[in-house]
Amino acid sequence: LQMRDTVAKHTGIPISIGIAKTKTL
């Protein structure tokens, strides 16, 4: 959430973040 809000605040670009145990997941 912190990353998403920081990027949006400083660049205006919306991002999505997926988190799991492996790269593929």
mmCIF file of all heavy atoms, coordinates in Angstrom:
data_MODEL
# 
_entry.id   MODEL 
# 
loop_
_atom_site.group_PDB 
_atom_site.id 
_atom_site.type_symbol 
_atom_site.label_atom_id 
_atom_site.label_alt_id 
_atom_site.label_comp_id 
_atom_site.label_asym_id 
_atom_site.label_entity_id 
_atom_site.label_seq_id 
_atom_site.pdbx_PDB_ins_code 
_atom_site.Cartn_x 
_atom_site.Cartn_y 
_atom_site.Cartn_z 
_atom_site.occupancy 
_atom_site.B_iso_or_equiv 
_atom_site.pdbx_formal_charge 
_atom_site.auth_seq_id 
_atom_site.auth_comp_id 
_atom_site.auth_asym_id 
_atom_site.auth_atom_id 
_atom_site.pdbx_PDB_model_num 
ATOM 1   N N   . LEU A 1 1  ? 0.832  -1.212  0.000   1.00 0.00 ? 1  LEU A N   1 
ATOM 2   C CA  . LEU A 1 1  ? 0.000  0.000   0.000   1.00 0.00 ? 1  LEU A CA  1 
ATOM 3   C C   . LEU A 1 1  ? 0.863  1.256   0.000   1.00 0.00 ? 1  LEU A C   1 
ATOM 4   O O   . LEU A 1 1  ? 0.567  2.236   -0.710  1.00 0.00 ? 1  LEU A O   1 
ATOM 5   C CB  . LEU A 1 1  ? -0.919 0.012   1.215   1.00 0.00 ? 1  LEU A CB  1 
ATOM 6   C CG  . LEU A 1 1  ? -2.143 -0.916  1.201   1.00 0.00 ? 1  LEU A CG  1 
ATOM 7   C CD1 . LEU A 1 1  ? -2.918 -0.767  2.500   1.00 0.00 ? 1  LEU A CD1 1 
ATOM 8   C CD2 . LEU A 1 1  ? -3.046 -0.600  0.006   1.00 0.00 ? 1  LEU A CD2 1 
ATOM 9   N N   . GLN A 1 2  ? 1.932  1.235   0.791   1.00 0.00 ? 2  GLN A N   1 
ATOM 10  C CA  . GLN A 1 2  ? 2.829  2.388   0.863   1.00 0.00 ? 2  GLN A CA  1 
ATOM 11  C C   . GLN A 1 2  ? 3.474  2.657   -0.500  1.00 0.00 ? 2  GLN A C   1 
ATOM 12  O O   . GLN A 1 2  ? 3.569  3.811   -0.937  1.00 0.00 ? 2  GLN A O   1 
ATOM 13  C CB  . GLN A 1 2  ? 3.920  2.151   1.919   1.00 0.00 ? 2  GLN A CB  1 
ATOM 14  C CG  . GLN A 1 2  ? 4.873  3.337   2.085   1.00 0.00 ? 2  GLN A CG  1 
ATOM 15  C CD  . GLN A 1 2  ? 6.030  3.026   3.025   1.00 0.00 ? 2  GLN A CD  1 
ATOM 16  O OE1 . GLN A 1 2  ? 6.130  1.922   3.574   1.00 0.00 ? 2  GLN A OE1 1 
ATOM 17  N NE2 . GLN A 1 2  ? 6.911  3.990   3.207   1.00 0.00 ? 2  GLN A NE2 1 
ATOM 18  N N   . MET A 1 3  ? 3.894  1.581   -1.168  1.00 0.00 ? 3  MET A N   1 
ATOM 19  C CA  . MET A 1 3  ? 4.499  1.734   -2.494  1.00 0.00 ? 3  MET A CA  1 
ATOM 20  C C   . MET A 1 3  ? 3.492  2.309   -3.486  1.00 0.00 ? 3  MET A C   1 
ATOM 21  O O   . MET A 1 3  ? 3.806  3.234   -4.247  1.00 0.00 ? 3  MET A O   1 
ATOM 22  C CB  . MET A 1 3  ? 5.001  0.380   -2.997  1.00 0.00 ? 3  MET A CB  1 
ATOM 23  C CG  . MET A 1 3  ? 6.237  -0.124  -2.292  1.00 0.00 ? 3  MET A CG  1 
ATOM 24  S SD  . MET A 1 3  ? 6.758  -1.729  -2.961  1.00 0.00 ? 3  MET A SD  1 
ATOM 25  C CE  . MET A 1 3  ? 8.400  -1.863  -2.250  1.00 0.00 ? 3  MET A CE  1 
ATOM 26  N N   . ARG A 1 4  ? 2.307  1.756   -3.468  1.00 0.00 ? 4  ARG A N   1 
ATOM 27  C CA  . ARG A 1 4  ? 1.277  2.205   -4.406  1.00 0.00 ? 4  ARG A CA  1 
ATOM 28  C C   . ARG A 1 4  ? 0.956  3.680   -4.190  1.00 0.00 ? 4  ARG A C   1 
ATOM 29  O O   . ARG A 1 4  ? 0.864  4.461   -5.143  1.00 0.00 ? 4  ARG A O   1 
ATOM 30  C CB  . ARG A 1 4  ? 0.024  1.346   -4.232  1.00 0.00 ? 4  ARG A CB  1 
ATOM 31  C CG  . ARG A 1 4  ? -1.038 1.583   -5.298  1.00 0.00 ? 4  ARG A CG  1 
ATOM 32  C CD  . ARG A 1 4  ? -2.180 0.577   -5.153  1.00 0.00 ? 4  ARG A CD  1 
ATOM 33  N NE  . ARG A 1 4  ? -3.102 0.684   -6.261  1.00 0.00 ? 4  ARG A NE  1 
ATOM 34  C CZ  . ARG A 1 4  ? -4.145 1.508   -6.277  1.00 0.00 ? 4  ARG A CZ  1 
ATOM 35  N NH1 . ARG A 1 4  ? -4.380 2.296   -5.245  1.00 0.00 ? 4  ARG A NH1 1 
ATOM 36  N NH2 . ARG A 1 4  ? -4.953 1.544   -7.334  1.00 0.00 ? 4  ARG A NH2 1 
ATOM 37  N N   . ASP A 1 5  ? 0.780  4.087   -2.930  1.00 0.00 ? 5  ASP A N   1 
ATOM 38  C CA  . ASP A 1 5  ? 0.440  5.481   -2.621  1.00 0.00 ? 5  ASP A CA  1 
ATOM 39  C C   . ASP A 1 5  ? 1.595  6.419   -2.960  1.00 0.00 ? 5  ASP A C   1 
ATOM 40  O O   . ASP A 1 5  ? 1.371  7.531   -3.466  1.00 0.00 ? 5  ASP A O   1 
ATOM 41  C CB  . ASP A 1 5  ? 0.070  5.615   -1.143  1.00 0.00 ? 5  ASP A CB  1 
ATOM 42  C CG  . ASP A 1 5  ? -1.223 4.890   -0.792  1.00 0.00 ? 5  ASP A CG  1 
ATOM 43  O OD1 . ASP A 1 5  ? -1.978 4.558   -1.725  1.00 0.00 ? 5  ASP A OD1 1 
ATOM 44  O OD2 . ASP A 1 5  ? -1.462 4.635   0.407   1.00 0.00 ? 5  ASP A OD2 1 
ATOM 45  N N   . THR A 1 6  ? 2.828  5.988   -2.689  1.00 0.00 ? 6  THR A N   1 
ATOM 46  C CA  . THR A 1 6  ? 4.000  6.824   -2.962  1.00 0.00 ? 6  THR A CA  1 
ATOM 47  C C   . THR A 1 6  ? 4.170  7.069   -4.451  1.00 0.00 ? 6  THR A C   1 
ATOM 48  O O   . THR A 1 6  ? 4.414  8.205   -4.894  1.00 0.00 ? 6  THR A O   1 
ATOM 49  C CB  . THR A 1 6  ? 5.278  6.169   -2.389  1.00 0.00 ? 6  THR A CB  1 
ATOM 50  O OG1 . THR A 1 6  ? 5.132  6.007   -0.974  1.00 0.00 ? 6  THR A OG1 1 
ATOM 51  C CG2 . THR A 1 6  ? 6.504  7.033   -2.674  1.00 0.00 ? 6  THR A CG2 1 
ATOM 52  N N   . VAL A 1 7  ? 4.047  6.013   -5.246  1.00 0.00 ? 7  VAL A N   1 
ATOM 53  C CA  . VAL A 1 7  ? 4.183  6.148   -6.695  1.00 0.00 ? 7  VAL A CA  1 
ATOM 54  C C   . VAL A 1 7  ? 3.079  7.045   -7.254  1.00 0.00 ? 7  VAL A C   1 
ATOM 55  O O   . VAL A 1 7  ? 3.333  7.919   -8.093  1.00 0.00 ? 7  VAL A O   1 
ATOM 56  C CB  . VAL A 1 7  ? 4.160  4.766   -7.380  1.00 0.00 ? 7  VAL A CB  1 
ATOM 57  C CG1 . VAL A 1 7  ? 4.061  4.912   -8.902  1.00 0.00 ? 7  VAL A CG1 1 
ATOM 58  C CG2 . VAL A 1 7  ? 5.406  3.978   -7.020  1.00 0.00 ? 7  VAL A CG2 1 
ATOM 59  N N   . ALA A 1 8  ? 1.844  6.856   -6.778  1.00 0.00 ? 8  ALA A N   1 
ATOM 60  C CA  . ALA A 1 8  ? 0.729  7.677   -7.246  1.00 0.00 ? 8  ALA A CA  1 
ATOM 61  C C   . ALA A 1 8  ? 0.940  9.146   -6.884  1.00 0.00 ? 8  ALA A C   1 
ATOM 62  O O   . ALA A 1 8  ? 0.677  10.046  -7.694  1.00 0.00 ? 8  ALA A O   1 
ATOM 63  C CB  . ALA A 1 8  ? -0.580 7.167   -6.648  1.00 0.00 ? 8  ALA A CB  1 
ATOM 64  N N   . LYS A 1 9  ? 1.425  9.400   -5.669  1.00 0.00 ? 9  LYS A N   1 
ATOM 65  C CA  . LYS A 1 9  ? 1.618  10.779  -5.194  1.00 0.00 ? 9  LYS A CA  1 
ATOM 66  C C   . LYS A 1 9  ? 2.706  11.497  -5.980  1.00 0.00 ? 9  LYS A C   1 
ATOM 67  O O   . LYS A 1 9  ? 2.560  12.671  -6.348  1.00 0.00 ? 9  LYS A O   1 
ATOM 68  C CB  . LYS A 1 9  ? 1.971  10.767  -3.712  1.00 0.00 ? 9  LYS A CB  1 
ATOM 69  C CG  . LYS A 1 9  ? 2.238  12.155  -3.126  1.00 0.00 ? 9  LYS A CG  1 
ATOM 70  C CD  . LYS A 1 9  ? 2.598  12.065  -1.646  1.00 0.00 ? 9  LYS A CD  1 
ATOM 71  C CE  . LYS A 1 9  ? 2.899  13.449  -1.066  1.00 0.00 ? 9  LYS A CE  1 
ATOM 72  N NZ  . LYS A 1 9  ? 3.258  13.371  0.375   1.00 0.00 ? 9  LYS A NZ  1 
ATOM 73  N N   . HIS A 1 10 ? 3.811  10.810  -6.250  1.00 0.00 ? 10 HIS A N   1 
ATOM 74  C CA  . HIS A 1 10 ? 4.973  11.476  -6.852  1.00 0.00 ? 10 HIS A CA  1 
ATOM 75  C C   . HIS A 1 10 ? 5.019  11.409  -8.373  1.00 0.00 ? 10 HIS A C   1 
ATOM 76  O O   . HIS A 1 10 ? 5.766  12.170  -8.997  1.00 0.00 ? 10 HIS A O   1 
ATOM 77  C CB  . HIS A 1 10 ? 6.256  10.881  -6.273  1.00 0.00 ? 10 HIS A CB  1 
ATOM 78  C CG  . HIS A 1 10 ? 6.481  11.217  -4.836  1.00 0.00 ? 10 HIS A CG  1 
ATOM 79  N ND1 . HIS A 1 10 ? 6.979  12.420  -4.411  1.00 0.00 ? 10 HIS A ND1 1 
ATOM 80  C CD2 . HIS A 1 10 ? 6.248  10.509  -3.705  1.00 0.00 ? 10 HIS A CD2 1 
ATOM 81  C CE1 . HIS A 1 10 ? 7.063  12.449  -3.092  1.00 0.00 ? 10 HIS A CE1 1 
ATOM 82  N NE2 . HIS A 1 10 ? 6.622  11.285  -2.632  1.00 0.00 ? 10 HIS A NE2 1 
ATOM 83  N N   . THR A 1 11 ? 4.269  10.506  -8.983  1.00 0.00 ? 11 THR A N   1 
ATOM 84  C CA  . THR A 1 11 ? 4.284  10.406  -10.450 1.00 0.00 ? 11 THR A CA  1 
ATOM 85  C C   . THR A 1 11 ? 2.906  10.492  -11.086 1.00 0.00 ? 11 THR A C   1 
ATOM 86  O O   . THR A 1 11 ? 2.793  10.796  -12.276 1.00 0.00 ? 11 THR A O   1 
ATOM 87  C CB  . THR A 1 11 ? 4.925  9.079   -10.917 1.00 0.00 ? 11 THR A CB  1 
ATOM 88  O OG1 . THR A 1 11 ? 4.061  7.977   -10.572 1.00 0.00 ? 11 THR A OG1 1 
ATOM 89  C CG2 . THR A 1 11 ? 6.298  8.877   -10.282 1.00 0.00 ? 11 THR A CG2 1 
ATOM 90  N N   . GLY A 1 12 ? 1.862  10.176  -10.331 1.00 0.00 ? 12 GLY A N   1 
ATOM 91  C CA  . GLY A 1 12 ? 0.515  10.147  -10.896 1.00 0.00 ? 12 GLY A CA  1 
ATOM 92  C C   . GLY A 1 12 ? 0.185  8.849   -11.601 1.00 0.00 ? 12 GLY A C   1 
ATOM 93  O O   . GLY A 1 12 ? -0.912 8.694   -12.148 1.00 0.00 ? 12 GLY A O   1 
ATOM 94  N N   . ILE A 1 13 ? 1.105  7.889   -11.588 1.00 0.00 ? 13 ILE A N   1 
ATOM 95  C CA  . ILE A 1 13 ? 0.895  6.608   -12.268 1.00 0.00 ? 13 ILE A CA  1 
ATOM 96  C C   . ILE A 1 13 ? 0.283  5.600   -11.290 1.00 0.00 ? 13 ILE A C   1 
ATOM 97  O O   . ILE A 1 13 ? 0.859  5.341   -10.232 1.00 0.00 ? 13 ILE A O   1 
ATOM 98  C CB  . ILE A 1 13 ? 2.216  6.035   -12.812 1.00 0.00 ? 13 ILE A CB  1 
ATOM 99  C CG1 . ILE A 1 13 ? 2.860  6.998   -13.815 1.00 0.00 ? 13 ILE A CG1 1 
ATOM 100 C CG2 . ILE A 1 13 ? 1.991  4.673   -13.459 1.00 0.00 ? 13 ILE A CG2 1 
ATOM 101 C CD1 . ILE A 1 13 ? 2.078  7.193   -15.093 1.00 0.00 ? 13 ILE A CD1 1 
ATOM 102 N N   . PRO A 1 14 ? -0.880 5.016   -11.616 1.00 0.00 ? 14 PRO A N   1 
ATOM 103 C CA  . PRO A 1 14 ? -1.460 3.977   -10.751 1.00 0.00 ? 14 PRO A CA  1 
ATOM 104 C C   . PRO A 1 14 ? -0.756 2.640   -10.970 1.00 0.00 ? 14 PRO A C   1 
ATOM 105 O O   . PRO A 1 14 ? -0.465 2.265   -12.107 1.00 0.00 ? 14 PRO A O   1 
ATOM 106 C CB  . PRO A 1 14 ? -2.917 3.910   -11.226 1.00 0.00 ? 14 PRO A CB  1 
ATOM 107 C CG  . PRO A 1 14 ? -2.864 4.322   -12.665 1.00 0.00 ? 14 PRO A CG  1 
ATOM 108 C CD  . PRO A 1 14 ? -1.743 5.321   -12.778 1.00 0.00 ? 14 PRO A CD  1 
ATOM 109 N N   . ILE A 1 15 ? -0.451 1.939   -9.891  1.00 0.00 ? 15 ILE A N   1 
ATOM 110 C CA  . ILE A 1 15 ? 0.183  0.626   -10.012 1.00 0.00 ? 15 ILE A CA  1 
ATOM 111 C C   . ILE A 1 15 ? -0.609 -0.403  -9.214  1.00 0.00 ? 15 ILE A C   1 
ATOM 112 O O   . ILE A 1 15 ? -1.334 -0.052  -8.272  1.00 0.00 ? 15 ILE A O   1 
ATOM 113 C CB  . ILE A 1 15 ? 1.652  0.626   -9.543  1.00 0.00 ? 15 ILE A CB  1 
ATOM 114 C CG1 . ILE A 1 15 ? 1.748  0.871   -8.030  1.00 0.00 ? 15 ILE A CG1 1 
ATOM 115 C CG2 . ILE A 1 15 ? 2.461  1.654   -10.313 1.00 0.00 ? 15 ILE A CG2 1 
ATOM 116 C CD1 . ILE A 1 15 ? 3.154  0.697   -7.464  1.00 0.00 ? 15 ILE A CD1 1 
ATOM 117 N N   . SER A 1 16 ? -0.462 -1.652  -9.591  1.00 0.00 ? 16 SER A N   1 
ATOM 118 C CA  . SER A 1 16 ? -1.033 -2.771  -8.839  1.00 0.00 ? 16 SER A CA  1 
ATOM 119 C C   . SER A 1 16 ? 0.122  -3.642  -8.362  1.00 0.00 ? 16 SER A C   1 
ATOM 120 O O   . SER A 1 16 ? 1.122  -3.790  -9.065  1.00 0.00 ? 16 SER A O   1 
ATOM 121 C CB  . SER A 1 16 ? -1.977 -3.598  -9.724  1.00 0.00 ? 16 SER A CB  1 
ATOM 122 O OG  . SER A 1 16 ? -3.070 -2.819  -10.147 1.00 0.00 ? 16 SER A OG  1 
ATOM 123 N N   . ILE A 1 17 ? -0.030 -4.210  -7.155  1.00 0.00 ? 17 ILE A N   1 
ATOM 124 C CA  . ILE A 1 17 ? 1.040  -5.024  -6.583  1.00 0.00 ? 17 ILE A CA  1 
ATOM 125 C C   . ILE A 1 17 ? 0.485  -6.377  -6.153  1.00 0.00 ? 17 ILE A C   1 
ATOM 126 O O   . ILE A 1 17 ? -0.459 -6.454  -5.364  1.00 0.00 ? 17 ILE A O   1 
ATOM 127 C CB  . ILE A 1 17 ? 1.698  -4.317  -5.384  1.00 0.00 ? 17 ILE A CB  1 
ATOM 128 C CG1 . ILE A 1 17 ? 2.329  -2.995  -5.851  1.00 0.00 ? 17 ILE A CG1 1 
ATOM 129 C CG2 . ILE A 1 17 ? 2.753  -5.216  -4.735  1.00 0.00 ? 17 ILE A CG2 1 
ATOM 130 C CD1 . ILE A 1 17 ? 2.987  -2.203  -4.753  1.00 0.00 ? 17 ILE A CD1 1 
ATOM 131 N N   . GLY A 1 18 ? 1.081  -7.444  -6.709  1.00 0.00 ? 18 GLY A N   1 
ATOM 132 C CA  . GLY A 1 18 ? 0.737  -8.801  -6.317  1.00 0.00 ? 18 GLY A CA  1 
ATOM 133 C C   . GLY A 1 18 ? 1.862  -9.395  -5.502  1.00 0.00 ? 18 GLY A C   1 
ATOM 134 O O   . GLY A 1 18 ? 3.033  -9.249  -5.866  1.00 0.00 ? 18 GLY A O   1 
ATOM 135 N N   . ILE A 1 19 ? 1.517  -10.046 -4.398  1.00 0.00 ? 19 ILE A N   1 
ATOM 136 C CA  . ILE A 1 19 ? 2.523  -10.573 -3.476  1.00 0.00 ? 19 ILE A CA  1 
ATOM 137 C C   . ILE A 1 19 ? 2.256  -12.053 -3.230  1.00 0.00 ? 19 ILE A C   1 
ATOM 138 O O   . ILE A 1 19 ? 1.135  -12.444 -2.917  1.00 0.00 ? 19 ILE A O   1 
ATOM 139 C CB  . ILE A 1 19 ? 2.488  -9.804  -2.138  1.00 0.00 ? 19 ILE A CB  1 
ATOM 140 C CG1 . ILE A 1 19 ? 2.655  -8.297  -2.387  1.00 0.00 ? 19 ILE A CG1 1 
ATOM 141 C CG2 . ILE A 1 19 ? 3.580  -10.316 -1.194  1.00 0.00 ? 19 ILE A CG2 1 
ATOM 142 C CD1 . ILE A 1 19 ? 2.329  -7.436  -1.191  1.00 0.00 ? 19 ILE A CD1 1 
ATOM 143 N N   . ALA A 1 20 ? 3.297  -12.879 -3.388  1.00 0.00 ? 20 ALA A N   1 
ATOM 144 C CA  . ALA A 1 20 ? 3.154  -14.323 -3.189  1.00 0.00 ? 20 ALA A CA  1 
ATOM 145 C C   . ALA A 1 20 ? 4.530  -14.928 -2.892  1.00 0.00 ? 20 ALA A C   1 
ATOM 146 O O   . ALA A 1 20 ? 5.530  -14.215 -2.804  1.00 0.00 ? 20 ALA A O   1 
ATOM 147 C CB  . ALA A 1 20 ? 2.529  -14.968 -4.423  1.00 0.00 ? 20 ALA A CB  1 
ATOM 148 N N   . LYS A 1 21 ? 4.571  -16.252 -2.782  1.00 0.00 ? 21 LYS A N   1 
ATOM 149 C CA  . LYS A 1 21 ? 5.818  -16.931 -2.401  1.00 0.00 ? 21 LYS A CA  1 
ATOM 150 C C   . LYS A 1 21 ? 6.816  -17.040 -3.554  1.00 0.00 ? 21 LYS A C   1 
ATOM 151 O O   . LYS A 1 21 ? 8.009  -17.223 -3.316  1.00 0.00 ? 21 LYS A O   1 
ATOM 152 C CB  . LYS A 1 21 ? 5.500  -18.326 -1.866  1.00 0.00 ? 21 LYS A CB  1 
ATOM 153 C CG  . LYS A 1 21 ? 4.754  -18.326 -0.530  1.00 0.00 ? 21 LYS A CG  1 
ATOM 154 C CD  . LYS A 1 21 ? 4.476  -19.745 -0.064  1.00 0.00 ? 21 LYS A CD  1 
ATOM 155 C CE  . LYS A 1 21 ? 3.751  -19.747 1.279   1.00 0.00 ? 21 LYS A CE  1 
ATOM 156 N NZ  . LYS A 1 21 ? 3.447  -21.127 1.746   1.00 0.00 ? 21 LYS A NZ  1 
ATOM 157 N N   . THR A 1 22 ? 6.343  -16.975 -4.780  1.00 0.00 ? 22 THR A N   1 
ATOM 158 C CA  . THR A 1 22 ? 7.223  -17.123 -5.938  1.00 0.00 ? 22 THR A CA  1 
ATOM 159 C C   . THR A 1 22 ? 6.900  -16.057 -6.985  1.00 0.00 ? 22 THR A C   1 
ATOM 160 O O   . THR A 1 22 ? 5.854  -15.404 -6.939  1.00 0.00 ? 22 THR A O   1 
ATOM 161 C CB  . THR A 1 22 ? 7.068  -18.510 -6.594  1.00 0.00 ? 22 THR A CB  1 
ATOM 162 O OG1 . THR A 1 22 ? 5.760  -18.593 -7.208  1.00 0.00 ? 22 THR A OG1 1 
ATOM 163 C CG2 . THR A 1 22 ? 7.223  -19.629 -5.576  1.00 0.00 ? 22 THR A CG2 1 
ATOM 164 N N   . LYS A 1 23 ? 7.797  -15.919 -7.963  1.00 0.00 ? 23 LYS A N   1 
ATOM 165 C CA  . LYS A 1 23 ? 7.571  -14.958 -9.037  1.00 0.00 ? 23 LYS A CA  1 
ATOM 166 C C   . LYS A 1 23 ? 6.309  -15.288 -9.840  1.00 0.00 ? 23 LYS A C   1 
ATOM 167 O O   . LYS A 1 23 ? 5.512  -14.410 -10.171 1.00 0.00 ? 23 LYS A O   1 
ATOM 168 C CB  . LYS A 1 23 ? 8.779  -14.944 -9.987  1.00 0.00 ? 23 LYS A CB  1 
ATOM 169 C CG  . LYS A 1 23 ? 9.916  -14.027 -9.585  1.00 0.00 ? 23 LYS A CG  1 
ATOM 170 C CD  . LYS A 1 23 ? 10.956 -13.996 -10.698 1.00 0.00 ? 23 LYS A CD  1 
ATOM 171 C CE  . LYS A 1 23 ? 11.980 -12.899 -10.473 1.00 0.00 ? 23 LYS A CE  1 
ATOM 172 N NZ  . LYS A 1 23 ? 12.957 -12.824 -11.579 1.00 0.00 ? 23 LYS A NZ  1 
ATOM 173 N N   . THR A 1 24 ? 6.146  -16.568 -10.150 1.00 0.00 ? 24 THR A N   1 
ATOM 174 C CA  . THR A 1 24 ? 5.006  -16.986 -10.970 1.00 0.00 ? 24 THR A CA  1 
ATOM 175 C C   . THR A 1 24 ? 3.696  -16.747 -10.240 1.00 0.00 ? 24 THR A C   1 
ATOM 176 O O   . THR A 1 24 ? 2.712  -16.277 -10.830 1.00 0.00 ? 24 THR A O   1 
ATOM 177 C CB  . THR A 1 24 ? 5.145  -18.465 -11.373 1.00 0.00 ? 24 THR A CB  1 
ATOM 178 O OG1 . THR A 1 24 ? 6.426  -18.674 -11.980 1.00 0.00 ? 24 THR A OG1 1 
ATOM 179 C CG2 . THR A 1 24 ? 4.063  -18.875 -12.349 1.00 0.00 ? 24 THR A CG2 1 
ATOM 180 N N   . LEU A 1 25 ? 3.655  -17.051 -8.950  1.00 0.00 ? 25 LEU A N   1 
ATOM 181 C CA  . LEU A 1 25 ? 2.448  -16.782 -8.165  1.00 0.00 ? 25 LEU A CA  1 
ATOM 182 C C   . LEU A 1 25 ? 2.245  -15.281 -7.959  1.00 0.00 ? 25 LEU A C   1 
ATOM 183 O O   . LEU A 1 25 ? 1.104  -14.817 -7.861  1.00 0.00 ? 25 LEU A O   1 
ATOM 184 C CB  . LEU A 1 25 ? 2.523  -17.495 -6.819  1.00 0.00 ? 25 LEU A CB  1 
ATOM 185 C CG  . LEU A 1 25 ? 2.305  -19.012 -6.853  1.00 0.00 ? 25 LEU A CG  1 
ATOM 186 C CD1 . LEU A 1 25 ? 2.509  -19.611 -5.466  1.00 0.00 ? 25 LEU A CD1 1 
ATOM 187 C CD2 . LEU A 1 25 ? 0.902  -19.367 -7.371  1.00 0.00 ? 25 LEU A CD2 1 
# 
